[in-house]
N, C-alpha and C. Protein backbone atom coordinates (compact mmCIF):
# COMPACT_ATOMS: atom_id res chain seq x y z
N PRO A 1 144.66 90.64 111.64
CA PRO A 1 144.89 92.01 112.21
C PRO A 1 143.72 92.46 113.05
N THR A 2 144.04 93.29 114.07
CA THR A 2 143.02 93.84 114.90
C THR A 2 142.34 95.05 114.18
N THR A 3 141.12 95.30 114.73
CA THR A 3 140.51 96.45 114.06
C THR A 3 141.33 97.78 114.15
N LEU A 4 141.99 98.01 115.22
CA LEU A 4 142.88 99.20 115.34
C LEU A 4 144.02 99.19 114.31
N GLU A 5 144.53 98.04 114.05
CA GLU A 5 145.71 97.86 113.12
C GLU A 5 145.09 98.15 111.61
N ILE A 6 143.84 97.72 111.32
CA ILE A 6 143.32 97.96 109.97
C ILE A 6 143.00 99.39 109.84
N ILE A 7 142.53 100.08 110.90
CA ILE A 7 142.28 101.54 110.81
C ILE A 7 143.54 102.28 110.61
N VAL A 8 144.58 101.95 111.37
CA VAL A 8 145.89 102.67 111.26
C VAL A 8 146.46 102.43 109.83
N LYS A 9 146.34 101.20 109.37
CA LYS A 9 146.85 100.97 107.97
C LYS A 9 146.17 101.75 106.96
N ARG A 10 144.88 101.85 107.10
CA ARG A 10 144.10 102.55 106.08
C ARG A 10 144.29 104.14 106.16
N TYR A 11 144.34 104.67 107.34
CA TYR A 11 144.40 106.04 107.50
C TYR A 11 145.82 106.72 107.72
N SER A 12 146.72 105.81 107.79
CA SER A 12 148.14 106.35 108.06
C SER A 12 148.99 106.62 106.88
N THR A 13 149.99 107.54 107.03
CA THR A 13 150.89 107.67 105.92
C THR A 13 152.24 107.26 106.39
N ARG A 14 153.02 106.67 105.52
CA ARG A 14 154.42 106.20 105.81
C ARG A 14 155.26 106.57 104.52
N THR A 15 156.50 107.05 104.87
CA THR A 15 157.43 107.44 103.80
C THR A 15 158.14 106.07 103.34
N ASP A 16 158.25 105.17 104.17
CA ASP A 16 158.87 103.88 103.75
C ASP A 16 158.51 102.79 104.67
N GLU A 17 158.90 101.54 104.39
CA GLU A 17 158.46 100.43 105.29
C GLU A 17 158.99 100.51 106.70
N HIS A 18 160.15 101.14 106.87
CA HIS A 18 160.76 101.20 108.18
C HIS A 18 160.33 102.44 109.12
N SER A 19 159.55 103.29 108.59
CA SER A 19 159.05 104.43 109.31
C SER A 19 157.86 104.10 110.07
N SER A 20 157.54 104.78 111.24
CA SER A 20 156.34 104.49 111.94
C SER A 20 155.19 105.06 111.24
N ALA A 21 154.02 104.42 111.56
CA ALA A 21 152.81 104.92 110.85
C ALA A 21 152.32 106.23 111.68
N LYS A 22 151.92 107.15 110.86
CA LYS A 22 151.37 108.40 111.48
C LYS A 22 149.96 108.69 110.86
N VAL A 23 149.06 109.12 111.66
CA VAL A 23 147.73 109.41 111.26
C VAL A 23 147.55 110.91 111.49
N SER A 24 147.29 111.67 110.35
CA SER A 24 147.21 113.00 110.47
C SER A 24 145.81 113.31 111.19
N PHE A 25 145.66 114.61 111.67
CA PHE A 25 144.50 114.96 112.31
C PHE A 25 143.27 114.87 111.47
N GLU A 26 143.38 115.26 110.19
CA GLU A 26 142.33 115.18 109.15
C GLU A 26 141.88 113.73 109.01
N HIS A 27 142.88 112.85 108.87
CA HIS A 27 142.52 111.44 108.66
C HIS A 27 141.89 110.77 109.98
N TYR A 28 142.30 111.37 111.10
CA TYR A 28 141.73 110.84 112.37
C TYR A 28 140.30 111.23 112.46
N ILE A 29 139.99 112.54 112.07
CA ILE A 29 138.60 112.89 112.05
C ILE A 29 137.75 112.11 111.08
N GLN A 30 138.35 111.84 109.98
CA GLN A 30 137.60 111.03 108.89
C GLN A 30 137.29 109.56 109.51
N ALA A 31 138.28 108.94 110.14
CA ALA A 31 138.18 107.57 110.77
C ALA A 31 137.08 107.67 111.76
N CYS A 32 137.09 108.80 112.63
CA CYS A 32 136.09 108.84 113.69
C CYS A 32 134.77 108.98 113.19
N ALA A 33 134.56 109.77 112.01
CA ALA A 33 133.23 109.99 111.47
C ALA A 33 132.78 108.66 110.83
N ARG A 34 133.67 107.92 110.31
CA ARG A 34 133.30 106.61 109.66
C ARG A 34 132.90 105.57 110.71
N LEU A 35 133.61 105.55 111.77
CA LEU A 35 133.32 104.59 112.85
C LEU A 35 131.98 104.89 113.54
N THR A 36 131.71 106.28 113.65
CA THR A 36 130.49 106.58 114.30
C THR A 36 129.29 106.22 113.31
N LEU A 37 129.50 106.45 112.02
CA LEU A 37 128.49 105.99 111.10
C LEU A 37 128.28 104.54 111.05
N LEU A 38 129.30 103.77 111.08
CA LEU A 38 129.19 102.33 111.19
C LEU A 38 128.45 101.86 112.56
N ASN A 39 128.74 102.52 113.63
CA ASN A 39 128.24 102.10 114.92
C ASN A 39 126.78 102.46 114.82
N ASP A 40 126.33 103.64 114.30
CA ASP A 40 124.97 103.89 114.27
C ASP A 40 124.12 103.03 113.35
N LEU A 41 124.73 102.62 112.18
CA LEU A 41 124.09 101.59 111.29
C LEU A 41 124.00 100.32 111.98
N MET A 42 124.99 99.87 112.71
CA MET A 42 124.91 98.57 113.42
C MET A 42 123.76 98.63 114.46
N HIS A 43 123.75 99.72 115.14
CA HIS A 43 122.65 99.71 116.16
C HIS A 43 121.25 99.77 115.60
N SER A 44 121.14 100.42 114.36
CA SER A 44 119.81 100.47 113.70
C SER A 44 119.43 99.08 113.10
N LYS A 45 120.34 98.31 112.92
CA LYS A 45 120.10 96.90 112.27
C LYS A 45 120.17 95.81 113.45
N SER A 46 120.47 96.20 114.72
CA SER A 46 120.52 95.22 115.72
C SER A 46 119.17 94.48 115.98
N THR A 47 119.36 93.18 116.14
CA THR A 47 118.25 92.23 116.41
C THR A 47 117.60 92.67 117.70
N ASN A 48 116.27 92.66 117.65
CA ASN A 48 115.55 93.08 118.90
C ASN A 48 116.00 92.39 120.13
N GLY A 49 116.40 93.09 121.24
CA GLY A 49 116.70 92.52 122.42
C GLY A 49 118.02 91.83 122.43
N SER A 50 118.82 91.93 121.50
CA SER A 50 120.03 91.27 121.42
C SER A 50 121.10 91.86 122.44
N PRO A 51 121.54 91.14 123.44
CA PRO A 51 122.57 91.70 124.41
C PRO A 51 123.98 91.80 123.77
N ARG A 52 124.23 91.09 122.60
CA ARG A 52 125.46 91.02 122.03
C ARG A 52 125.76 91.89 120.80
N ASN A 53 124.66 92.72 120.47
CA ASN A 53 124.62 93.49 119.34
C ASN A 53 124.88 92.74 118.04
N ILE A 54 123.99 91.68 117.95
CA ILE A 54 124.02 90.90 116.70
C ILE A 54 123.14 91.54 115.68
N CYS A 55 123.61 91.70 114.48
CA CYS A 55 122.86 92.29 113.40
C CYS A 55 122.59 91.30 112.29
N SER A 56 121.59 91.64 111.57
CA SER A 56 121.18 90.88 110.45
C SER A 56 121.04 91.74 109.15
N PHE A 57 121.84 91.43 108.10
CA PHE A 57 121.87 92.22 106.91
C PHE A 57 121.72 91.27 105.75
N SER A 58 120.91 91.69 104.68
CA SER A 58 120.87 90.91 103.48
C SER A 58 122.16 91.26 102.70
N ILE A 59 122.56 90.42 101.80
CA ILE A 59 123.75 90.67 101.02
C ILE A 59 123.72 92.01 100.32
N ASP A 60 122.52 92.44 99.87
CA ASP A 60 122.29 93.67 99.18
C ASP A 60 122.50 94.85 100.15
N GLU A 61 122.04 94.76 101.34
CA GLU A 61 122.23 95.85 102.31
C GLU A 61 123.57 95.96 102.70
N PHE A 62 124.31 94.77 102.85
CA PHE A 62 125.79 94.84 103.28
C PHE A 62 126.62 95.51 102.08
N MET A 63 126.34 95.08 100.92
CA MET A 63 127.04 95.64 99.71
C MET A 63 126.89 97.17 99.69
N GLN A 64 125.52 97.63 99.76
CA GLN A 64 125.28 99.10 99.73
C GLN A 64 126.03 99.73 100.81
N LEU A 65 126.03 99.25 102.07
CA LEU A 65 126.67 99.78 103.18
C LEU A 65 128.20 99.94 102.88
N ALA A 66 128.95 98.82 102.45
CA ALA A 66 130.24 98.73 102.21
C ALA A 66 130.76 99.70 101.15
N LEU A 67 129.88 99.71 100.08
CA LEU A 67 130.30 100.59 98.94
C LEU A 67 129.95 102.04 99.20
N SER A 68 129.07 102.44 100.10
CA SER A 68 128.87 103.71 100.37
C SER A 68 129.81 104.45 101.23
N LEU A 69 130.58 103.71 101.91
CA LEU A 69 131.76 104.26 102.82
C LEU A 69 132.91 104.66 102.08
């Protein structure tokens, strides 16, 4: 799945399998805040001079980041 599909799946509400996914305004704001936080963290960990925004994390740093969100 694409990133957008994952975000919609996580933040949307459905009454049944056949209804369309809807993201409430409150959940939209939560998603935006989380994406901003992730983006800021990625930029802070970006390898010096990397044009492709490549980051380096230890497994401990990754787990702390993932579990704190």
